[in-house]
Amino acid sequence: MEIIRFVNDNLARSNCYVVKCGKKCFVVDPGEEKMTKVIDFLEKNELEMEAVLLTHGHWDHILGINSMMEYKKVPLFVSENGYEFLFNPELSLCIWQNLEFKVDENLDIRKLKENDVIGFDGIIVDKKMKKI
C-alpha cells in the first residue's frame, strides 16, 4: 500500500490523500473545488478509484466531492456524525467562507460507524489507515 499526499488549493491548505494498492485506490478528503491534480495523477498512473473517504465534513475536506464524482461515480464514505455536514453549510462551515456547496443526495453515500473497517478489492483499511 502507498499513500500519496496532495495539498488542497484552498484557504486552509488542507491535505488530500490517494491511498493505493496496486492499481486500485481511494481518495481521502478532496477539499479543492476542482480536483485536477489528483485526477491527473489517477489518470497518469492508470489508477482505478474505488471510493472517496471523508475524515470529517468541514468545507476544506468536502469541496472536491462533486469534482471527483464527475470524474467517476464511486461510493462516498462518511461517518454517521459527519453525514449532515454534507448538506448543512453551517456545520460544514461553508457559510463562513461564503461558499455555495451542494452535494448530490443521489450519490452512493455510505455512513460509517466508529471502528468500522472498509474493504476495497484488495485494500482493507482499519481506523488508523493501516493495511490489514
N, C-alpha and C. Protein backbone atom coordinates (compact mmCIF):
# COMPACT_ATOMS: atom_id res chain seq x y z
N MET A 1 0.85 -1.17 0.00
CA MET A 1 0.00 0.00 0.00
C MET A 1 0.90 1.23 0.00
N GLU A 2 0.45 2.25 -0.73
CA GLU A 2 1.18 3.51 -0.80
C GLU A 2 0.20 4.65 -0.57
N ILE A 3 0.63 5.68 0.15
CA ILE A 3 -0.19 6.85 0.42
C ILE A 3 0.50 8.06 -0.19
N ILE A 4 -0.21 8.75 -1.09
CA ILE A 4 0.34 9.92 -1.77
C ILE A 4 -0.41 11.15 -1.27
N ARG A 5 0.33 12.14 -0.81
CA ARG A 5 -0.26 13.36 -0.23
C ARG A 5 -0.32 14.48 -1.26
N PHE A 6 -1.46 15.16 -1.28
CA PHE A 6 -1.65 16.37 -2.08
C PHE A 6 -2.08 17.47 -1.12
N VAL A 7 -1.71 18.70 -1.41
CA VAL A 7 -2.17 19.83 -0.62
C VAL A 7 -3.29 20.50 -1.42
N ASN A 8 -4.48 20.55 -0.81
CA ASN A 8 -5.62 21.18 -1.47
C ASN A 8 -5.37 22.67 -1.65
N ASP A 9 -5.73 23.18 -2.81
CA ASP A 9 -5.58 24.61 -3.09
C ASP A 9 -6.81 25.34 -2.56
N ASN A 10 -6.84 25.50 -1.23
CA ASN A 10 -7.91 26.23 -0.57
C ASN A 10 -7.29 27.09 0.53
N LEU A 11 -8.08 27.92 1.15
CA LEU A 11 -7.52 28.83 2.16
C LEU A 11 -6.86 28.10 3.32
N ALA A 12 -7.35 26.92 3.66
CA ALA A 12 -6.81 26.16 4.79
C ALA A 12 -5.59 25.33 4.40
N ARG A 13 -5.36 25.16 3.08
CA ARG A 13 -4.25 24.33 2.60
C ARG A 13 -4.32 22.93 3.23
N SER A 14 -5.52 22.38 3.26
CA SER A 14 -5.74 21.07 3.86
C SER A 14 -5.13 19.97 2.99
N ASN A 15 -5.02 18.79 3.55
CA ASN A 15 -4.42 17.66 2.86
C ASN A 15 -5.48 16.78 2.21
N CYS A 16 -5.09 16.19 1.12
CA CYS A 16 -5.89 15.18 0.42
C CYS A 16 -4.91 14.02 0.18
N TYR A 17 -5.43 12.81 0.20
CA TYR A 17 -4.57 11.64 0.01
C TYR A 17 -5.16 10.69 -1.02
N VAL A 18 -4.28 10.07 -1.77
CA VAL A 18 -4.63 8.93 -2.60
C VAL A 18 -3.98 7.73 -1.93
N VAL A 19 -4.80 6.77 -1.55
CA VAL A 19 -4.32 5.53 -0.93
C VAL A 19 -4.45 4.46 -1.99
N LYS A 20 -3.31 3.87 -2.38
CA LYS A 20 -3.37 2.91 -3.47
C LYS A 20 -2.75 1.57 -3.09
N CYS A 21 -3.30 0.55 -3.69
CA CYS A 21 -2.80 -0.81 -3.56
C CYS A 21 -2.86 -1.39 -4.97
N GLY A 22 -1.70 -1.55 -5.58
CA GLY A 22 -1.69 -1.94 -6.98
C GLY A 22 -2.29 -0.82 -7.81
N LYS A 23 -3.25 -1.15 -8.63
CA LYS A 23 -3.92 -0.16 -9.48
C LYS A 23 -5.24 0.33 -8.89
N LYS A 24 -5.62 -0.18 -7.74
CA LYS A 24 -6.85 0.25 -7.06
C LYS A 24 -6.50 1.33 -6.05
N CYS A 25 -7.43 2.27 -5.86
CA CYS A 25 -7.16 3.34 -4.90
C CYS A 25 -8.45 3.95 -4.39
N PHE A 26 -8.32 4.73 -3.34
CA PHE A 26 -9.40 5.61 -2.93
C PHE A 26 -8.81 6.97 -2.57
N VAL A 27 -9.65 7.98 -2.62
CA VAL A 27 -9.23 9.36 -2.38
C VAL A 27 -9.81 9.79 -1.04
N VAL A 28 -8.97 10.41 -0.22
CA VAL A 28 -9.37 10.86 1.12
C VAL A 28 -9.38 12.39 1.15
N ASP A 29 -10.48 12.97 1.57
CA ASP A 29 -10.62 14.41 1.81
C ASP A 29 -10.33 15.28 0.58
N PRO A 30 -11.15 15.15 -0.47
CA PRO A 30 -10.96 16.00 -1.64
C PRO A 30 -11.47 17.42 -1.35
N GLY A 31 -10.59 18.32 -0.93
CA GLY A 31 -11.01 19.62 -0.46
C GLY A 31 -10.79 20.78 -1.40
N GLU A 32 -10.49 20.49 -2.64
CA GLU A 32 -10.25 21.54 -3.64
C GLU A 32 -11.42 21.49 -4.62
N GLU A 33 -11.99 22.64 -4.95
CA GLU A 33 -13.19 22.64 -5.78
C GLU A 33 -13.00 21.85 -7.08
N LYS A 34 -11.91 22.07 -7.76
CA LYS A 34 -11.57 21.30 -8.96
C LYS A 34 -10.37 20.43 -8.62
N MET A 35 -10.56 19.14 -8.59
CA MET A 35 -9.52 18.20 -8.14
C MET A 35 -8.60 17.77 -9.29
N THR A 36 -8.19 18.73 -10.09
CA THR A 36 -7.41 18.46 -11.30
C THR A 36 -6.11 17.72 -11.02
N LYS A 37 -5.35 18.15 -10.00
CA LYS A 37 -4.06 17.49 -9.72
C LYS A 37 -4.25 16.02 -9.38
N VAL A 38 -5.26 15.73 -8.56
CA VAL A 38 -5.50 14.35 -8.16
C VAL A 38 -6.00 13.53 -9.35
N ILE A 39 -6.94 14.07 -10.09
CA ILE A 39 -7.48 13.34 -11.26
C ILE A 39 -6.38 13.10 -12.28
N ASP A 40 -5.54 14.10 -12.53
CA ASP A 40 -4.41 13.90 -13.46
C ASP A 40 -3.48 12.80 -12.96
N PHE A 41 -3.23 12.76 -11.65
CA PHE A 41 -2.39 11.72 -11.06
C PHE A 41 -3.02 10.33 -11.27
N LEU A 42 -4.33 10.23 -11.03
CA LEU A 42 -5.02 8.95 -11.21
C LEU A 42 -4.91 8.48 -12.66
N GLU A 43 -5.15 9.41 -13.58
CA GLU A 43 -5.10 9.04 -15.00
C GLU A 43 -3.68 8.69 -15.44
N LYS A 44 -2.71 9.50 -15.04
CA LYS A 44 -1.30 9.26 -15.43
C LYS A 44 -0.82 7.89 -14.94
N ASN A 45 -1.26 7.51 -13.75
CA ASN A 45 -0.83 6.24 -13.16
C ASN A 45 -1.82 5.10 -13.39
N GLU A 46 -2.83 5.37 -14.21
CA GLU A 46 -3.84 4.38 -14.58
C GLU A 46 -4.44 3.71 -13.35
N LEU A 47 -4.79 4.54 -12.36
CA LEU A 47 -5.38 4.03 -11.12
C LEU A 47 -6.89 3.97 -11.22
N GLU A 48 -7.45 2.97 -10.62
CA GLU A 48 -8.90 2.76 -10.59
C GLU A 48 -9.43 3.24 -9.25
N MET A 49 -10.08 4.40 -9.24
CA MET A 49 -10.62 4.94 -8.00
C MET A 49 -11.84 4.11 -7.59
N GLU A 50 -11.76 3.56 -6.38
CA GLU A 50 -12.83 2.69 -5.87
C GLU A 50 -13.80 3.43 -4.96
N ALA A 51 -13.36 4.52 -4.32
CA ALA A 51 -14.21 5.24 -3.37
C ALA A 51 -13.57 6.57 -3.00
N VAL A 52 -14.40 7.42 -2.39
CA VAL A 52 -13.93 8.65 -1.75
C VAL A 52 -14.27 8.51 -0.28
N LEU A 53 -13.32 8.87 0.57
CA LEU A 53 -13.47 8.73 2.01
C LEU A 53 -13.24 10.09 2.66
N LEU A 54 -14.14 10.48 3.58
CA LEU A 54 -14.01 11.75 4.29
C LEU A 54 -13.63 11.49 5.74
N THR A 55 -12.64 12.22 6.21
CA THR A 55 -12.30 12.11 7.64
C THR A 55 -13.30 12.90 8.47
N HIS A 56 -13.80 14.00 7.91
CA HIS A 56 -14.86 14.78 8.54
C HIS A 56 -15.46 15.71 7.48
N GLY A 57 -16.50 16.45 7.84
CA GLY A 57 -17.28 17.16 6.84
C GLY A 57 -17.09 18.66 6.77
N HIS A 58 -15.96 19.19 7.19
CA HIS A 58 -15.75 20.63 7.03
C HIS A 58 -15.43 20.95 5.58
N TRP A 59 -15.68 22.20 5.20
CA TRP A 59 -15.58 22.66 3.82
C TRP A 59 -14.24 22.30 3.16
N ASP A 60 -13.16 22.38 3.91
CA ASP A 60 -11.84 22.16 3.31
C ASP A 60 -11.53 20.69 3.07
N HIS A 61 -12.48 19.83 3.41
CA HIS A 61 -12.32 18.39 3.16
C HIS A 61 -13.36 17.86 2.18
N ILE A 62 -14.39 18.69 1.86
CA ILE A 62 -15.50 18.19 1.04
C ILE A 62 -15.69 18.92 -0.28
N LEU A 63 -15.05 20.06 -0.48
CA LEU A 63 -15.31 20.87 -1.68
C LEU A 63 -15.12 20.11 -2.99
N GLY A 64 -14.24 19.13 -3.01
CA GLY A 64 -13.94 18.42 -4.25
C GLY A 64 -14.77 17.17 -4.49
N ILE A 65 -15.75 16.91 -3.64
CA ILE A 65 -16.58 15.71 -3.83
C ILE A 65 -17.21 15.71 -5.23
N ASN A 66 -17.82 16.82 -5.61
CA ASN A 66 -18.50 16.87 -6.90
C ASN A 66 -17.52 16.68 -8.05
N SER A 67 -16.35 17.27 -7.94
CA SER A 67 -15.33 17.11 -8.98
C SER A 67 -14.92 15.64 -9.12
N MET A 68 -14.71 14.97 -7.98
CA MET A 68 -14.32 13.55 -8.02
C MET A 68 -15.45 12.69 -8.58
N MET A 69 -16.69 13.01 -8.24
CA MET A 69 -17.82 12.22 -8.72
C MET A 69 -18.11 12.48 -10.20
N GLU A 70 -17.75 13.67 -10.69
CA GLU A 70 -17.84 13.91 -12.14
C GLU A 70 -16.82 13.05 -12.86
N TYR A 71 -15.66 12.88 -12.25
CA TYR A 71 -14.62 12.03 -12.83
C TYR A 71 -15.07 10.57 -12.85
N LYS A 72 -15.58 10.10 -11.71
CA LYS A 72 -16.08 8.72 -11.63
C LYS A 72 -17.02 8.60 -10.44
N LYS A 73 -18.19 8.08 -10.68
CA LYS A 73 -19.16 7.87 -9.60
C LYS A 73 -18.74 6.62 -8.81
N VAL A 74 -18.39 6.84 -7.56
CA VAL A 74 -17.97 5.77 -6.66
C VAL A 74 -18.65 6.00 -5.31
N PRO A 75 -18.64 5.02 -4.42
CA PRO A 75 -19.19 5.25 -3.08
C PRO A 75 -18.44 6.36 -2.36
N LEU A 76 -19.19 7.13 -1.58
CA LEU A 76 -18.65 8.18 -0.74
C LEU A 76 -18.85 7.75 0.70
N PHE A 77 -17.75 7.57 1.44
CA PHE A 77 -17.82 7.12 2.83
C PHE A 77 -17.66 8.31 3.76
N VAL A 78 -18.56 8.42 4.72
CA VAL A 78 -18.55 9.49 5.70
C VAL A 78 -19.04 8.92 7.03
N SER A 79 -18.57 9.48 8.12
CA SER A 79 -19.04 9.00 9.42
C SER A 79 -20.52 9.33 9.59
N GLU A 80 -21.19 8.57 10.44
CA GLU A 80 -22.59 8.86 10.75
C GLU A 80 -22.74 10.29 11.24
N ASN A 81 -21.80 10.73 12.10
CA ASN A 81 -21.87 12.08 12.64
C ASN A 81 -21.54 13.14 11.59
N GLY A 82 -20.81 12.78 10.56
CA GLY A 82 -20.41 13.75 9.54
C GLY A 82 -21.38 13.87 8.39
N TYR A 83 -22.35 12.97 8.30
CA TYR A 83 -23.28 12.95 7.16
C TYR A 83 -23.99 14.29 6.98
N GLU A 84 -24.53 14.85 8.04
CA GLU A 84 -25.29 16.09 7.93
C GLU A 84 -24.44 17.27 7.48
N PHE A 85 -23.13 17.21 7.72
CA PHE A 85 -22.24 18.28 7.29
C PHE A 85 -22.29 18.46 5.78
N LEU A 86 -22.57 17.37 5.06
CA LEU A 86 -22.62 17.43 3.60
C LEU A 86 -23.76 18.29 3.09
N PHE A 87 -24.78 18.48 3.91
CA PHE A 87 -25.99 19.18 3.47
C PHE A 87 -26.29 20.44 4.27
N ASN A 88 -25.44 20.77 5.23
CA ASN A 88 -25.69 21.91 6.10
C ASN A 88 -24.48 22.85 6.06
N PRO A 89 -24.62 24.03 5.42
CA PRO A 89 -23.48 24.93 5.29
C PRO A 89 -22.98 25.51 6.62
N GLU A 90 -23.81 25.48 7.64
CA GLU A 90 -23.33 25.94 8.95
C GLU A 90 -22.43 24.89 9.59
N LEU A 91 -22.81 23.63 9.49
CA LEU A 91 -21.98 22.57 10.06
C LEU A 91 -20.66 22.42 9.29
N SER A 92 -20.74 22.48 7.97
CA SER A 92 -19.53 22.32 7.14
C SER A 92 -18.66 23.57 7.17
N LEU A 93 -19.19 24.64 7.71
CA LEU A 93 -18.53 25.95 7.78
C LEU A 93 -18.40 26.61 6.41
N CYS A 94 -19.12 26.09 5.41
CA CYS A 94 -19.13 26.73 4.09
C CYS A 94 -19.65 28.16 4.20
N ILE A 95 -20.62 28.36 5.06
CA ILE A 95 -21.21 29.68 5.24
C ILE A 95 -20.17 30.70 5.69
N TRP A 96 -19.19 30.29 6.48
CA TRP A 96 -18.13 31.19 6.95
C TRP A 96 -17.20 31.62 5.82
N GLN A 97 -17.13 30.78 4.80
CA GLN A 97 -16.24 31.06 3.67
C GLN A 97 -17.02 31.63 2.47
N ASN A 98 -18.31 31.89 2.67
CA ASN A 98 -19.18 32.35 1.57
C ASN A 98 -19.14 31.40 0.39
N LEU A 99 -19.14 30.10 0.68
CA LEU A 99 -19.08 29.07 -0.36
C LEU A 99 -20.47 28.48 -0.58
N GLU A 100 -20.80 28.29 -1.83
CA GLU A 100 -22.02 27.59 -2.20
C GLU A 100 -21.62 26.15 -2.50
N PHE A 101 -21.97 25.24 -1.63
CA PHE A 101 -21.62 23.83 -1.86
C PHE A 101 -22.85 22.98 -1.65
N LYS A 102 -23.13 22.16 -2.64
CA LYS A 102 -24.23 21.20 -2.54
C LYS A 102 -23.73 19.87 -3.07
N VAL A 103 -23.98 18.84 -2.31
CA VAL A 103 -23.64 17.50 -2.76
C VAL A 103 -24.93 16.83 -3.22
N ASP A 104 -24.84 16.05 -4.26
CA ASP A 104 -26.00 15.36 -4.82
C ASP A 104 -26.45 14.26 -3.85
N GLU A 105 -27.67 14.36 -3.38
CA GLU A 105 -28.20 13.36 -2.44
C GLU A 105 -28.36 11.99 -3.08
N ASN A 106 -28.30 11.93 -4.40
CA ASN A 106 -28.44 10.65 -5.10
C ASN A 106 -27.13 9.88 -5.22
N LEU A 107 -26.04 10.47 -4.72
CA LEU A 107 -24.77 9.74 -4.72
C LEU A 107 -24.88 8.53 -3.80
N ASP A 108 -24.00 7.59 -4.00
CA ASP A 108 -23.93 6.40 -3.14
C ASP A 108 -23.15 6.78 -1.88
N ILE A 109 -23.86 7.41 -0.93
CA ILE A 109 -23.23 7.87 0.31
C ILE A 109 -23.40 6.79 1.37
N ARG A 110 -22.30 6.33 1.92
CA ARG A 110 -22.33 5.26 2.91
C ARG A 110 -21.83 5.78 4.25
N LYS A 111 -22.65 5.62 5.26
CA LYS A 111 -22.30 6.10 6.60
C LYS A 111 -21.51 5.04 7.34
N LEU A 112 -20.45 5.49 7.99
CA LEU A 112 -19.60 4.61 8.77
C LEU A 112 -19.81 4.84 10.26
N LYS A 113 -19.78 3.76 11.01
CA LYS A 113 -19.80 3.85 12.47
C LYS A 113 -18.35 3.80 12.95
N GLU A 114 -18.12 4.28 14.16
CA GLU A 114 -16.78 4.23 14.73
C GLU A 114 -16.28 2.79 14.74
N ASN A 115 -15.03 2.61 14.37
CA ASN A 115 -14.33 1.32 14.32
C ASN A 115 -14.75 0.43 13.15
N ASP A 116 -15.56 0.95 12.22
CA ASP A 116 -15.86 0.17 11.02
C ASP A 116 -14.58 -0.05 10.23
N VAL A 117 -14.51 -1.15 9.53
CA VAL A 117 -13.39 -1.48 8.65
C VAL A 117 -13.91 -1.42 7.22
N ILE A 118 -13.13 -0.82 6.35
CA ILE A 118 -13.53 -0.65 4.96
C ILE A 118 -12.67 -1.55 4.09
N GLY A 119 -13.27 -2.23 3.16
CA GLY A 119 -12.52 -3.08 2.24
C GLY A 119 -12.84 -2.74 0.80
N PHE A 120 -11.81 -2.71 -0.02
CA PHE A 120 -11.98 -2.46 -1.45
C PHE A 120 -11.11 -3.45 -2.18
N ASP A 121 -11.67 -4.44 -2.72
CA ASP A 121 -10.98 -5.30 -3.68
C ASP A 121 -9.47 -5.35 -3.46
N GLY A 122 -9.04 -5.83 -2.34
CA GLY A 122 -7.60 -5.93 -2.10
C GLY A 122 -7.08 -4.88 -1.15
N ILE A 123 -7.86 -3.83 -0.89
CA ILE A 123 -7.45 -2.83 0.08
C ILE A 123 -8.38 -2.95 1.27
N ILE A 124 -7.84 -3.27 2.42
CA ILE A 124 -8.63 -3.29 3.65
C ILE A 124 -7.90 -2.39 4.64
N VAL A 125 -8.62 -1.42 5.16
CA VAL A 125 -8.00 -0.41 6.00
C VAL A 125 -8.70 -0.37 7.33
N ASP A 126 -7.92 -0.24 8.41
CA ASP A 126 -8.54 -0.08 9.72
C ASP A 126 -8.59 1.40 10.05
N LYS A 127 -9.05 1.75 11.24
CA LYS A 127 -9.26 3.16 11.59
C LYS A 127 -7.97 3.95 11.66
N LYS A 128 -6.81 3.30 11.67
CA LYS A 128 -5.53 4.02 11.70
C LYS A 128 -4.89 4.06 10.32
N MET A 129 -5.68 3.78 9.28
CA MET A 129 -5.23 3.81 7.89
C MET A 129 -4.09 2.82 7.64
N LYS A 130 -4.08 1.70 8.35
CA LYS A 130 -3.08 0.67 8.14
C LYS A 130 -3.70 -0.47 7.37
N LYS A 131 -2.95 -1.01 6.44
CA LYS A 131 -3.42 -2.15 5.68
C LYS A 131 -3.46 -3.36 6.61
N ILE A 132 -4.55 -4.10 6.53
CA ILE A 132 -4.69 -5.31 7.34
C ILE A 132 -4.38 -6.52 6.45
